[in-house]
C-alpha atoms as a PDB file:
ATOM      1  CA  MET A   1     146.697 112.254 112.578  1.00  0.00           C
ATOM      2  CA  ALA A   2     144.089 111.216 112.401  1.00  0.00           C
ATOM      3  CA  ARG A   3     141.305 113.150 110.213  1.00  0.00           C
ATOM      4  CA  ALA A   4     137.793 114.184 111.855  1.00  0.00           C
ATOM      5  CA  ALA A   5     135.045 113.388 109.736  1.00  0.00           C
ATOM      6  CA  VAL A   6     132.363 115.811 108.910  1.00  0.00           C
ATOM      7  CA  ALA A   7     129.151 115.547 111.487  1.00  0.00           C
ATOM      8  CA  PRO A   8     126.849 113.488 109.618  1.00  0.00           C
ATOM      9  CA  ALA A   9     123.513 114.309 107.425  1.00  0.00           C
ATOM     10  CA  VAL A  10     122.120 112.533 105.117  1.00  0.00           C
ATOM     11  CA  ALA A  11     123.010 113.963 102.670  1.00  0.00           C
ATOM     12  CA  HIS A  12     124.081 117.370 101.013  1.00  0.00           C
ATOM     13  CA  LEU A  13     124.533 119.632  98.149  1.00  0.00           C
ATOM     14  CA  VAL A  14     127.526 121.263  97.153  1.00  0.00           C
ATOM     15  CA  ARG A  15     126.813 123.984  94.085  1.00  0.00           C
ATOM     16  CA  GLY A  16     128.783 127.561  93.217  1.00  0.00           C
ATOM     17  CA  ASP A  17     129.235 129.543  89.895  1.00  0.00           C
ATOM     18  CA  ASP A  18     132.457 128.280  89.278  1.00  0.00           C
ATOM     19  CA  ALA A  19     132.975 124.898  88.109  1.00  0.00           C
ATOM     20  CA  SER A  20     136.606 124.120  89.418  1.00  0.00           C
ATOM     21  CA  LEU A  21     136.038 125.897  92.861  1.00  0.00           C
ATOM     22  CA  VAL A  22     133.074 123.375  92.879  1.00  0.00           C
ATOM     23  CA  ALA A  23     134.740 120.391  92.084  1.00  0.00           C
ATOM     24  CA  GLN A  24     137.549 121.653  94.722  1.00  0.00           C
ATOM     25  CA  ALA A  25     134.587 122.296  97.414  1.00  0.00           C
ATOM     26  CA  ALA A  26     133.128 118.554  96.875  1.00  0.00           C
ATOM     27  CA  HIS A  27     136.435 117.060  97.367  1.00  0.00           C
ATOM     28  CA  ASP A  28     137.171 118.965 100.441  1.00  0.00           C
ATOM     29  CA  LEU A  29     133.714 117.462 101.565  1.00  0.00           C
ATOM     30  CA  LEU A  30     134.044 114.170 100.563  1.00  0.00           C
ATOM     31  CA  VAL A  31     137.291 113.719 102.550  1.00  0.00           C
ATOM     32  CA  GLY A  32     135.542 115.257 105.437  1.00  0.00           C
ATOM     33  CA  LEU A  33     132.944 112.557 104.968  1.00  0.00           C
ATOM     34  CA  ALA A  34     135.467 110.033 105.141  1.00  0.00           C
ATOM     35  CA  GLY A  35     136.973 110.853 108.056  1.00  0.00           C
ATOM     36  CA  ASP A  36     139.970 107.908 108.319  1.00  0.00           C
ATOM     37  CA  GLU A  37     138.257 105.805 105.627  1.00  0.00           C
ATOM     38  CA  ASP A  38     140.089 105.425 102.482  1.00  0.00           C
ATOM     39  CA  LEU A  39     137.942 107.380  99.731  1.00  0.00           C
ATOM     40  CA  SER A  40     137.922 104.423  96.961  1.00  0.00           C
ATOM     41  CA  MET A  41     136.301 102.053  99.228  1.00  0.00           C
ATOM     42  CA  VAL A  42     133.666 104.698 100.384  1.00  0.00           C
ATOM     43  CA  VAL A  43     132.582 106.458  97.389  1.00  0.00           C
ATOM     44  CA  GLU A  44     129.999 105.534  94.259  1.00  0.00           C
ATOM     45  CA  GLU A  45     130.249 108.027  92.301  1.00  0.00           C
ATOM     46  CA  HIS A  46     127.458 108.207  89.380  1.00  0.00           C
ATOM     47  CA  GLY A  47     126.771 110.749  86.159  1.00  0.00           C
ATOM     48  CA  ALA A  48     130.426 111.121  85.103  1.00  0.00           C
ATOM     49  CA  ALA A  49     130.614 113.968  82.970  1.00  0.00           C
ATOM     50  CA  GLY A  50     130.260 113.498  79.505  1.00  0.00           C
ATOM     51  CA  ALA A  51     127.662 110.958  79.961  1.00  0.00           C
ATOM     52  CA  GLU A  52     124.365 111.804  78.487  1.00  0.00           C
ATOM     53  CA  ASP A  53     121.973 111.191  80.945  1.00  0.00           C
ATOM     54  CA  ILE A  54     122.188 110.089  84.802  1.00  0.00           C
ATOM     55  CA  ASP A  55     120.796 106.371  85.857  1.00  0.00           C
ATOM     56  CA  VAL A  56     118.975 107.278  88.931  1.00  0.00           C
ATOM     57  CA  GLY A  57     118.135 103.790  89.127  1.00  0.00           C
ATOM     58  CA  ALA A  58     121.651 102.999  89.625  1.00  0.00           C
ATOM     59  CA  VAL A  59     121.752 105.901  92.360  1.00  0.00           C
ATOM     60  CA  VAL A  60     118.705 104.674  94.228  1.00  0.00           C
ATOM     61  CA  ASP A  61     120.296 101.002  94.246  1.00  0.00           C
ATOM     62  CA  ALA A  62     123.705 102.426  95.322  1.00  0.00           C
ATOM     63  CA  LEU A  63     121.536 104.839  98.214  1.00  0.00           C
ATOM     64  CA  ALA A  64     119.297 101.340  99.306  1.00  0.00           C
ATOM     65  CA  THR A  65     122.849  99.707  99.795  1.00  0.00           C
ATOM     66  CA  PRO A  66     124.175  99.781 103.737  1.00  0.00           C
ATOM     67  CA  PRO A  67     127.841 100.094 104.138  1.00  0.00           C
ATOM     68  CA  PHE A  68     130.139  97.257 104.087  1.00  0.00           C
ATOM     69  CA  LEU A  69     133.589  96.793 105.506  1.00  0.00           C
ATOM     70  CA  SER A  70     133.229 100.499 106.708  1.00  0.00           C
ATOM     71  CA  ALA A  71     131.125 102.880 108.739  1.00  0.00           C
ATOM     72  CA  THR A  72     129.884 105.029 106.059  1.00  0.00           C
ATOM     73  CA  ARG A  73     128.639 104.834 102.427  1.00  0.00           C
ATOM     74  CA  ILE A  74     129.484 107.909 100.207  1.00  0.00           C
ATOM     75  CA  VAL A  75     127.430 107.918  96.828  1.00  0.00           C
ATOM     76  CA  VAL A  76     128.279 111.151  94.731  1.00  0.00           C
ATOM     77  CA  VAL A  77     126.131 112.463  91.873  1.00  0.00           C
ATOM     78  CA  ARG A  78     127.855 114.816  89.720  1.00  0.00           C
ATOM     79  CA  GLU A  79     125.972 117.098  87.534  1.00  0.00           C
ATOM     80  CA  ALA A  80     123.327 116.901  89.486  1.00  0.00           C
ATOM     81  CA  GLY A  81     121.415 119.349  87.251  1.00  0.00           C
ATOM     82  CA  ARG A  82     120.920 116.996  84.732  1.00  0.00           C
ATOM     83  CA  LEU A  83     118.603 115.112  86.985  1.00  0.00           C
ATOM     84  CA  VAL A  84     115.184 115.632  85.812  1.00  0.00           C
ATOM     85  CA  ALA A  85     111.310 116.237  88.036  1.00  0.00           C
ATOM     86  CA  ALA A  86     111.409 111.949  87.978  1.00  0.00           C
ATOM     87  CA  ASP A  87     114.449 111.462  89.466  1.00  0.00           C
ATOM     88  CA  ALA A  88     114.064 114.161  92.091  1.00  0.00           C
ATOM     89  CA  VAL A  89     110.768 112.122  93.244  1.00  0.00           C
ATOM     90  CA  ARG A  90     112.709 109.255  93.126  1.00  0.00           C
ATOM     91  CA  LEU A  91     115.793 110.612  95.538  1.00  0.00           C
ATOM     92  CA  THR A  92     112.939 112.606  97.532  1.00  0.00           C
ATOM     93  CA  GLU A  93     111.688 109.763  98.212  1.00  0.00           C
ATOM     94  CA  TRP A  94     114.621 107.864  99.425  1.00  0.00           C
ATOM     95  CA  LEU A  95     115.602 110.921 101.839  1.00  0.00           C
ATOM     96  CA  ALA A  96     112.183 110.122 103.383  1.00  0.00           C
ATOM     97  CA  ALA A  97     113.498 106.905 105.045  1.00  0.00           C
ATOM     98  CA  PRO A  98     117.944 106.652 104.102  1.00  0.00           C
ATOM     99  CA  VAL A  99     119.592 103.923 105.355  1.00  0.00           C
ATOM    100  CA  PRO A 100     122.042 104.091 107.816  1.00  0.00           C
ATOM    101  CA  GLY A 101     125.156 105.178 107.335  1.00  0.00           C
ATOM    102  CA  VAL A 102     124.408 106.536 103.563  1.00  0.00           C
ATOM    103  CA  VAL A 103     124.984 110.050 102.692  1.00  0.00           C
ATOM    104  CA  LEU A 104     123.753 111.485  99.341  1.00  0.00           C
ATOM    105  CA  VAL A 105     126.314 114.254  97.766  1.00  0.00           C
ATOM    106  CA  LEU A 106     124.782 116.282  94.690  1.00  0.00           C
ATOM    107  CA  VAL A 107     127.398 118.343  93.023  1.00  0.00           C
ATOM    108  CA  ALA A 108     126.031 121.454  91.261  1.00  0.00           C
ATOM    109  CA  GLY A 109     126.612 121.285  87.120  1.00  0.00           C
ATOM    110  CA  GLY A 110     125.319 120.129  83.731  1.00  0.00           C
ATOM    111  CA  GLY A 111     122.195 122.135  84.511  1.00  0.00           C
ATOM    112  CA  THR A 112     119.948 123.588  87.086  1.00  0.00           C
ATOM    113  CA  ILE A 113     119.109 120.956  90.163  1.00  0.00           C
ATOM    114  CA  PRO A 114     114.981 120.461  90.264  1.00  0.00           C
ATOM    115  CA  ALA A 115     113.871 122.843  93.123  1.00  0.00           C
ATOM    116  CA  ALA A 116     111.887 119.959  95.139  1.00  0.00           C
ATOM    117  CA  LEU A 117     115.120 118.061  95.281  1.00  0.00           C
ATOM    118  CA  VAL A 118     117.133 121.252  96.321  1.00  0.00           C
ATOM    119  CA  LYS A 119     114.143 122.076  99.481  1.00  0.00           C
ATOM    120  CA  THR A 120     114.275 118.881 100.855  1.00  0.00           C
ATOM    121  CA  VAL A 121     118.352 118.804 100.867  1.00  0.00           C
ATOM    122  CA  GLU A 122     117.995 122.364 102.417  1.00  0.00           C
ATOM    123  CA  ARG A 123     115.737 120.703 105.231  1.00  0.00           C
ATOM    124  CA  GLN A 124     117.299 117.314 105.517  1.00  0.00           C
ATOM    125  CA  GLY A 125     120.659 118.242 105.397  1.00  0.00           C
ATOM    126  CA  ALA A 126     123.584 120.184 103.857  1.00  0.00           C
ATOM    127  CA  VAL A 127     124.140 122.996 101.189  1.00  0.00           C
ATOM    128  CA  SER A 128     127.593 124.660 100.437  1.00  0.00           C
ATOM    129  CA  ASP A 129     128.105 127.200  97.991  1.00  0.00           C
ATOM    130  CA  SER A 130     131.767 127.676  96.580  1.00  0.00           C
ATOM    131  CA  SER A 131     130.705 131.029  95.199  1.00  0.00           C
ATOM    132  CA  VAL A 132     132.994 133.942  95.874  1.00  0.00           C
ATOM    133  CA  ARG A 133     130.710 136.793  94.776  1.00  0.00           C
ATOM    134  CA  SER A 134     133.007 140.531  96.813  1.00  0.00           C
ATOM    135  CA  GLY A 135     136.358 141.383  96.978  1.00  0.00           C
ATOM    136  CA  ARG A 136     135.930 140.769 100.822  1.00  0.00           C
ATOM    137  CA  ASP A 137     134.752 137.022 100.165  1.00  0.00           C
ATOM    138  CA  ARG A 138     137.404 135.933  98.056  1.00  0.00           C
ATOM    139  CA  SER A 139     140.160 137.361 100.695  1.00  0.00           C
ATOM    140  CA  GLN A 140     138.573 135.190 103.241  1.00  0.00           C
ATOM    141  CA  TRP A 141     137.958 132.238 101.203  1.00  0.00           C
ATOM    142  CA  LEU A 142     142.068 132.624 100.458  1.00  0.00           C
ATOM    143  CA  ALA A 143     142.653 132.937 103.555  1.00  0.00           C
ATOM    144  CA  ARG A 144     141.225 129.754 105.059  1.00  0.00           C
ATOM    145  CA  ARG A 145     142.963 127.611 101.443  1.00  0.00           C
ATOM    146  CA  LEU A 146     146.470 129.287 102.688  1.00  0.00           C
ATOM    147  CA  ARG A 147     146.004 128.063 106.300  1.00  0.00           C
ATOM    148  CA  GLU A 148     145.328 124.795 105.356  1.00  0.00           C
ATOM    149  CA  ALA A 149     148.174 124.564 102.482  1.00  0.00           C
ATOM    150  CA  PRO A 150     150.678 122.511 102.445  1.00  0.00           C
ATOM    151  CA  VAL A 151     153.376 125.491 102.131  1.00  0.00           C
ATOM    152  CA  ARG A 152     153.267 129.038 104.805  1.00  0.00           C
ATOM    153  CA  LEU A 153     153.342 132.513 103.151  1.00  0.00           C
ATOM    154  CA  SER A 154     154.871 135.260 104.380  1.00  0.00           C
ATOM    155  CA  ALA A 155     152.653 138.219 104.440  1.00  0.00           C
ATOM    156  CA  GLY A 156     154.254 139.837 101.165  1.00  0.00           C
ATOM    157  CA  ALA A 157     153.855 136.916  98.898  1.00  0.00           C
ATOM    158  CA  ALA A 158     149.994 136.037 100.526  1.00  0.00           C
ATOM    159  CA  SER A 159     148.826 139.441  99.465  1.00  0.00           C
ATOM    160  CA  ALA A 160     151.011 138.914  95.978  1.00  0.00           C
ATOM    161  CA  LEU A 161     149.367 136.126  95.503  1.00  0.00           C
ATOM    162  CA  GLU A 162     146.041 137.562  96.017  1.00  0.00           C
ATOM    163  CA  ASP A 163     146.479 140.511  93.716  1.00  0.00           C
ATOM    164  CA  HIS A 164     147.866 138.229  90.950  1.00  0.00           C
ATOM    165  CA  LEU A 165     145.114 135.161  91.271  1.00  0.00           C
ATOM    166  CA  GLY A 166     142.187 138.392  91.072  1.00  0.00           C
ATOM    167  CA  GLY A 167     138.947 135.954  90.190  1.00  0.00           C
ATOM    168  CA  ASP A 168     140.956 132.723  89.040  1.00  0.00           C
ATOM    169  CA  LEU A 169     140.640 130.992  92.301  1.00  0.00           C
ATOM    170  CA  HIS A 170     140.749 127.846  91.041  1.00  0.00           C
ATOM    171  CA  ARG A 171     144.235 127.945  89.777  1.00  0.00           C
ATOM    172  CA  LEU A 172     145.467 128.324  93.689  1.00  0.00           C
ATOM    173  CA  ALA A 173     144.989 124.412  94.656  1.00  0.00           C
ATOM    174  CA  GLY A 174     147.726 123.595  91.501  1.00  0.00           C
ATOM    175  CA  LEU A 175     149.762 126.201  92.682  1.00  0.00           C
ATOM    176  CA  LEU A 176     149.727 125.427  96.398  1.00  0.00           C
ATOM    177  CA  ASP A 177     151.182 121.577  95.690  1.00  0.00           C
ATOM    178  CA  THR A 178     153.578 123.205  92.839  1.00  0.00           C
ATOM    179  CA  LEU A 179     155.000 125.257  95.422  1.00  0.00           C
ATOM    180  CA  ALA A 180     155.445 122.179  98.196  1.00  0.00           C
ATOM    181  CA  ASP A 181     156.969 119.823  95.334  1.00  0.00           C
ATOM    182  CA  ALA A 182     159.522 123.111  94.595  1.00  0.00           C
ATOM    183  CA  TYR A 183     160.012 124.302  98.524  1.00  0.00           C
ATOM    184  CA  GLY A 184     159.011 120.634 100.254  1.00  0.00           C
ATOM    185  CA  ASP A 185     156.062 120.329 102.631  1.00  0.00           C
ATOM    186  CA  GLY A 186     155.604 123.438 105.755  1.00  0.00           C
ATOM    187  CA  ALA A 187     158.535 125.273 103.596  1.00  0.00           C
ATOM    188  CA  THR A 188     157.903 129.250 104.364  1.00  0.00           C
ATOM    189  CA  VAL A 189     157.720 131.131 100.717  1.00  0.00           C
ATOM    190  CA  SER A 190     158.798 134.590 100.328  1.00  0.00           C
ATOM    191  CA  GLU A 191     157.163 136.831  97.635  1.00  0.00           C
ATOM    192  CA  GLU A 192     160.299 136.520  95.848  1.00  0.00           C
ATOM    193  CA  GLN A 193     160.240 132.620  95.993  1.00  0.00           C
ATOM    194  CA  LEU A 194     156.556 132.593  94.685  1.00  0.00           C
ATOM    195  CA  ALA A 195     157.219 135.484  91.670  1.00  0.00           C
ATOM    196  CA  PRO A 196     158.552 132.488  89.343  1.00  0.00           C
ATOM    197  CA  PHE A 197     155.444 130.152  89.747  1.00  0.00           C
ATOM    198  CA  LEU A 198     152.539 133.097  89.291  1.00  0.00           C
ATOM    199  CA  GLY A 199     152.208 132.425  85.880  1.00  0.00           C
ATOM    200  CA  GLY A 200     150.229 135.719  83.901  1.00  0.00           C
ATOM    201  CA  ALA A 201     147.641 137.388  85.564  1.00  0.00           C
ATOM    202  CA  GLY A 202     144.427 136.419  86.542  1.00  0.00           C
ATOM    203  CA  ARG A 203     141.095 137.996  85.832  1.00  0.00           C
ATOM    204  CA  VAL A 204     139.507 140.997  88.303  1.00  0.00           C
ATOM    205  CA  ALA A 205     135.784 141.595  88.917  1.00  0.00           C
ATOM    206  CA  PRO A 206     134.191 144.598  87.591  1.00  0.00           C
ATOM    207  CA  TRP A 207     134.220 145.948  91.478  1.00  0.00           C
ATOM    208  CA  ASP A 208     137.493 145.430  91.643  1.00  0.00           C
ATOM    209  CA  LEU A 209     137.482 148.592  89.184  1.00  0.00           C
ATOM    210  CA  THR A 210     134.693 150.445  90.431  1.00  0.00           C
ATOM    211  CA  ASP A 211     136.148 150.501  93.869  1.00  0.00           C
ATOM    212  CA  ALA A 212     139.090 151.753  92.777  1.00  0.00           C
ATOM    213  CA  VAL A 213     137.902 154.770  90.708  1.00  0.00           C
ATOM    214  CA  ASP A 214     135.454 155.413  93.966  1.00  0.00           C
ATOM    215  CA  GLN A 215     138.592 155.581  96.426  1.00  0.00           C
ATOM    216  CA  GLY A 216     140.873 157.636  93.660  1.00  0.00           C
ATOM    217  CA  ARG A 217     143.410 154.880  93.447  1.00  0.00           C
ATOM    218  CA  THR A 218     144.207 155.991  89.335  1.00  0.00           C
ATOM    219  CA  ALA A 219     147.057 154.134  88.948  1.00  0.00           C
ATOM    220  CA  ASP A 220     145.132 150.713  90.750  1.00  0.00           C
ATOM    221  CA  ALA A 221     141.923 151.639  88.678  1.00  0.00           C
ATOM    222  CA  LEU A 222     144.227 152.047  85.741  1.00  0.00           C
ATOM    223  CA  ALA A 223     145.922 148.145  86.276  1.00  0.00           C
ATOM    224  CA  MET A 224     142.461 146.840  87.311  1.00  0.00           C
ATOM    225  CA  LEU A 225     141.073 148.179  83.551  1.00  0.00           C
ATOM    226  CA  GLY A 226     143.983 146.515  82.022  1.00  0.00           C
ATOM    227  CA  ARG A 227     142.783 143.029  83.258  1.00  0.00           C
ATOM    228  CA  LEU A 228     139.682 143.121  82.574  1.00  0.00           C
ATOM    229  CA  THR A 229     139.954 144.253  79.210  1.00  0.00           C
ATOM    230  CA  GLY A 230     143.164 141.853  78.589  1.00  0.00           C
ATOM    231  CA  PRO A 231     143.163 138.734  76.037  1.00  0.00           C
ATOM    232  CA  GLY A 232     139.895 136.810  75.424  1.00  0.00           C
ATOM    233  CA  GLU A 233     138.169 139.399  78.214  1.00  0.00           C
ATOM    234  CA  MET A 234     135.564 141.890  78.348  1.00  0.00           C
ATOM    235  CA  HIS A 235     134.661 144.280  75.529  1.00  0.00           C
ATOM    236  CA  ALA A 236     135.520 148.068  75.679  1.00  0.00           C
ATOM    237  CA  LEU A 237     131.688 148.456  75.481  1.00  0.00           C
ATOM    238  CA  GLY A 238     131.181 145.790  78.552  1.00  0.00           C
ATOM    239  CA  VAL A 239     133.143 148.217  80.416  1.00  0.00           C
ATOM    240  CA  LEU A 240     131.890 151.170  79.188  1.00  0.00           C
ATOM    241  CA  ALA A 241     128.451 149.681  80.736  1.00  0.00           C
ATOM    242  CA  VAL A 242     129.895 148.550  84.010  1.00  0.00           C
ATOM    243  CA  LEU A 243     130.591 151.874  84.562  1.00  0.00           C
ATOM    244  CA  HIS A 244     127.417 153.092  83.433  1.00  0.00           C
ATOM    245  CA  ARG A 245     125.841 151.185  85.649  1.00  0.00           C
ATOM    246  CA  HIS A 246     127.792 151.709  88.629  1.00  0.00           C
ATOM    247  CA  TYR A 247     126.886 155.727  88.525  1.00  0.00           C
ATOM    248  CA  GLN A 248     123.304 155.456  87.292  1.00  0.00           C
ATOM    249  CA  ALA A 249     123.028 153.848  90.858  1.00  0.00           C
ATOM    250  CA  MET A 250     124.396 157.214  92.255  1.00  0.00           C
ATOM    251  CA  LEU A 251     122.422 159.068  90.150  1.00  0.00           C
ATOM    252  CA  ARG A 252     119.395 156.885  91.262  1.00  0.00           C
ATOM    253  CA  LEU A 253     119.715 158.041  94.612  1.00  0.00           C
ATOM    254  CA  ASP A 254     121.477 161.324  94.563  1.00  0.00           C
ATOM    255  CA  GLY A 255     118.815 163.783  96.756  1.00  0.00           C
ATOM    256  CA  ALA A 256     116.584 160.806  97.511  1.00  0.00           C
ATOM    257  CA  GLU A 257     115.550 160.416 100.996  1.00  0.00           C
ATOM    258  CA  VAL A 258     116.659 157.347 101.709  1.00  0.00           C
ATOM    259  CA  SER A 259     118.704 155.943 104.919  1.00  0.00           C
ATOM    260  CA  SER A 260     121.414 153.645 105.618  1.00  0.00           C
ATOM    261  CA  ALA A 261     118.953 151.723 107.760  1.00  0.00           C
ATOM    262  CA  GLU A 262     116.404 151.530 104.767  1.00  0.00           C
ATOM    263  CA  VAL A 263     118.967 150.205 102.122  1.00  0.00           C
ATOM    264  CA  ALA A 264     120.441 147.731 104.692  1.00  0.00           C
ATOM    265  CA  GLY A 265     116.173 146.424 103.961  1.00  0.00           C
ATOM    266  CA  LEU A 266     117.156 146.116 100.176  1.00  0.00           C
ATOM    267  CA  ARG A 267     117.706 142.384  98.436  1.00  0.00           C
ATOM    268  CA  SER A 268     121.040 143.656  97.394  1.00  0.00           C
ATOM    269  CA  ALA A 269     122.142 145.998 100.569  1.00  0.00           C
ATOM    270  CA  PHE A 270     126.158 146.036 100.530  1.00  0.00           C
ATOM    271  CA  PRO A 271     125.895 147.311  96.672  1.00  0.00           C
ATOM    272  CA  ALA A 272     123.165 149.752  97.079  1.00  0.00           C
ATOM    273  CA  LYS A 273     125.077 151.163 100.527  1.00  0.00           C
ATOM    274  CA  LYS A 274     128.018 151.388  98.734  1.00  0.00           C
ATOM    275  CA  ALA A 275     126.490 153.320  96.019  1.00  0.00           C
ATOM    276  CA  LEU A 276     124.702 155.766  98.748  1.00  0.00           C
ATOM    277  CA  GLU A 277     128.056 156.324 100.185  1.00  0.00           C
ATOM    278  CA  GLN A 278     129.691 157.266  96.954  1.00  0.00           C
ATOM    279  CA  ALA A 279     126.276 159.307  96.260  1.00  0.00           C
ATOM    280  CA  ARG A 280     126.853 161.550  99.328  1.00  0.00           C
ATOM    281  CA  HIS A 281     131.060 161.699  99.136  1.00  0.00           C
ATOM    282  CA  LEU A 282     130.706 163.099  95.254  1.00  0.00           C
ATOM    283  CA  GLY A 283     127.461 165.103  95.248  1.00  0.00           C
ATOM    284  CA  SER A 284     125.363 165.842  92.726  1.00  0.00           C
ATOM    285  CA  ALA A 285     127.882 168.182  90.431  1.00  0.00           C
ATOM    286  CA  ARG A 286     130.645 165.579  90.386  1.00  0.00           C
ATOM    287  CA  ILE A 287     127.370 162.754  89.273  1.00  0.00           C
ATOM    288  CA  GLY A 288     126.403 164.874  86.548  1.00  0.00           C
ATOM    289  CA  ARG A 289     130.075 165.108  85.530  1.00  0.00           C
ATOM    290  CA  ALA A 290     130.900 161.259  85.609  1.00  0.00           C
ATOM    291  CA  ILE A 291     127.596 160.804  83.581  1.00  0.00           C
ATOM    292  CA  GLU A 292     128.790 163.803  80.868  1.00  0.00           C
ATOM    293  CA  LEU A 293     132.401 161.878  80.831  1.00  0.00           C
ATOM    294  CA  LEU A 294     130.259 158.070  79.866  1.00  0.00           C
ATOM    295  CA  ALA A 295     128.393 159.419  77.451  1.00  0.00           C
ATOM    296  CA  ALA A 296     131.209 161.166  76.016  1.00  0.00           C
ATOM    297  CA  ALA A 297     133.277 157.672  76.004  1.00  0.00           C
ATOM    298  CA  ASP A 298     130.281 155.913  74.449  1.00  0.00           C
ATOM    299  CA  LEU A 299     130.467 158.425  71.788  1.00  0.00           C
ATOM    300  CA  ASP A 300     133.932 157.970  71.097  1.00  0.00           C
ATOM    301  CA  LEU A 301     133.819 154.514  71.729  1.00  0.00           C
ATOM    302  CA  ARG A 302     131.392 154.397  68.434  1.00  0.00           C
ATOM    303  CA  GLY A 303     133.506 156.158  66.147  1.00  0.00           C
ATOM    304  CA  ARG A 304     132.933 159.862  66.587  1.00  0.00           C
ATOM    305  CA  ARG A 305     136.661 160.129  66.709  1.00  0.00           C
ATOM    306  CA  ALA A 306     139.484 157.454  65.842  1.00  0.00           C
ATOM    307  CA  LEU A 307     141.063 156.843  68.817  1.00  0.00           C
ATOM    308  CA  ASP A 308     142.042 153.518  70.121  1.00  0.00           C
ATOM    309  CA  ASP A 309     138.964 151.705  72.622  1.00  0.00           C
ATOM    310  CA  ALA A 310     141.951 151.066  75.159  1.00  0.00           C
ATOM    311  CA  VAL A 311     142.626 155.416  75.177  1.00  0.00           C
ATOM    312  CA  VAL A 312     139.302 156.369  75.072  1.00  0.00           C
ATOM    313  CA  LEU A 313     138.689 153.902  78.456  1.00  0.00           C
ATOM    314  CA  GLU A 314     142.134 154.492  80.139  1.00  0.00           C
ATOM    315  CA  VAL A 315     141.539 158.618  79.765  1.00  0.00           C
ATOM    316  CA  LEU A 316     137.739 158.380  81.362  1.00  0.00           C
ATOM    317  CA  VAL A 317     138.973 155.563  84.080  1.00  0.00           C
ATOM    318  CA  ALA A 318     141.187 158.599  85.164  1.00  0.00           C
ATOM    319  CA  ARG A 319     139.310 161.423  85.322  1.00  0.00           C
ATOM    320  CA  LEU A 320     136.297 158.953  86.528  1.00  0.00           C
ATOM    321  CA  SER A 321     139.022 158.862  89.577  1.00  0.00           C
ATOM    322  CA  ARG A 322     139.790 161.822  90.030  1.00  0.00           C
ATOM    323  CA  LEU A 323     136.697 162.695  90.806  1.00  0.00           C
ATOM    324  CA  GLY A 324     136.217 160.032  93.147  1.00  0.00           C
ATOM    325  CA  GLY A 325     139.699 161.068  94.521  1.00  0.00           C
ATOM    326  CA  THR A 326     138.581 164.521  95.196  1.00  0.00           C
ATOM    327  CA  ARG A 327     136.063 163.610  97.770  1.00  0.00           C
ATOM    328  CA  GLN A 328     137.472 164.062 101.236  1.00  0.00           C
ATOM    329  CA  ALA A 329     138.721 167.258 100.337  1.00  0.00           C
ATOM    330  CA  THR A 330     135.155 168.361  99.187  1.00  0.00           C
ATOM    331  CA  THR A 331     133.594 167.194 102.446  1.00  0.00           C
ATOM    332  CA  ALA A 332     136.295 168.924 104.701  1.00  0.00           C
ATOM    333  CA  GLY A 333     135.558 172.147 102.715  1.00  0.00           C
ATOM    334  CA  ARG A 334     131.643 171.771 102.862  1.00  0.00           C
ATOM    335  CA  ARG A 335     132.775 171.302 107.128  1.00  0.00           C
ATOM    336  CA  ARG A 336     134.809 174.249 107.737  1.00  0.00           C
ATOM    337  CA  ARG A 337     132.124 176.195 105.263  1.00  0.00           C
END
């Protein structure tokens, strides 16, 4: 079946906060731009990792060369953050009068891409962001990838995979290829068939912990804590700082005359709305109790008592989770009164 090419644009920028996801997004873009063409015939790469700088003269020469024996010529600049202001000027000049059939693809990395060049690409081309910043974004991203995967995962396997990968989404492509090699293209993989290929559990985001605490899911909260503080992950004081910021946001909003509509107008509307809703559910007394628990845990982590850091955090998370888990009953009690 022929591949449908991506709608042509004179320039594309692929950016994000995970180098692996940026690379995967760039590959997908190139495949779409090439359509049925052979990538090796239409793509010219510049700025390979490890090089000291980018030869922008060579890039401009490539952009000035029309396609030959193909409908499209794609000039890729990797690690585009290594471009300097003077380089950006030369590329912007080319974008003002591009050669028909030639497409510029900038792939983030290596630093900050000059703002003037980014604005020009936003105006004349297309920008894609591979960042996955929330649990909902992660679920949607994973669902899209699984729909395009060489194998099909059962509902149980897909759920287990999402829980296991956590924030390590860069592991997905290799895992799916391995499953296709093991079971064949188009095979349906069950949770039992998936299990031997999972390896170590992936990292999780701080909001995975705070969401579980807010919802009173103690077992899940402790599991998220274990993954946050696993080998090479977050220090105990870092976890405490995450929890402190979480409850500090509620403390600031507690009793404030602010509406959900006003919160929606803030730059960080989604976390602010969550903090407002949780502050209203907990109420002043339980927010105050949470702050007391955090203060006591801070002293324990700094040596007040001879307790292991893991024990201090586990007790803290369990107690905070119980505070969150009683919110529905308390709300119902207020209604009865």
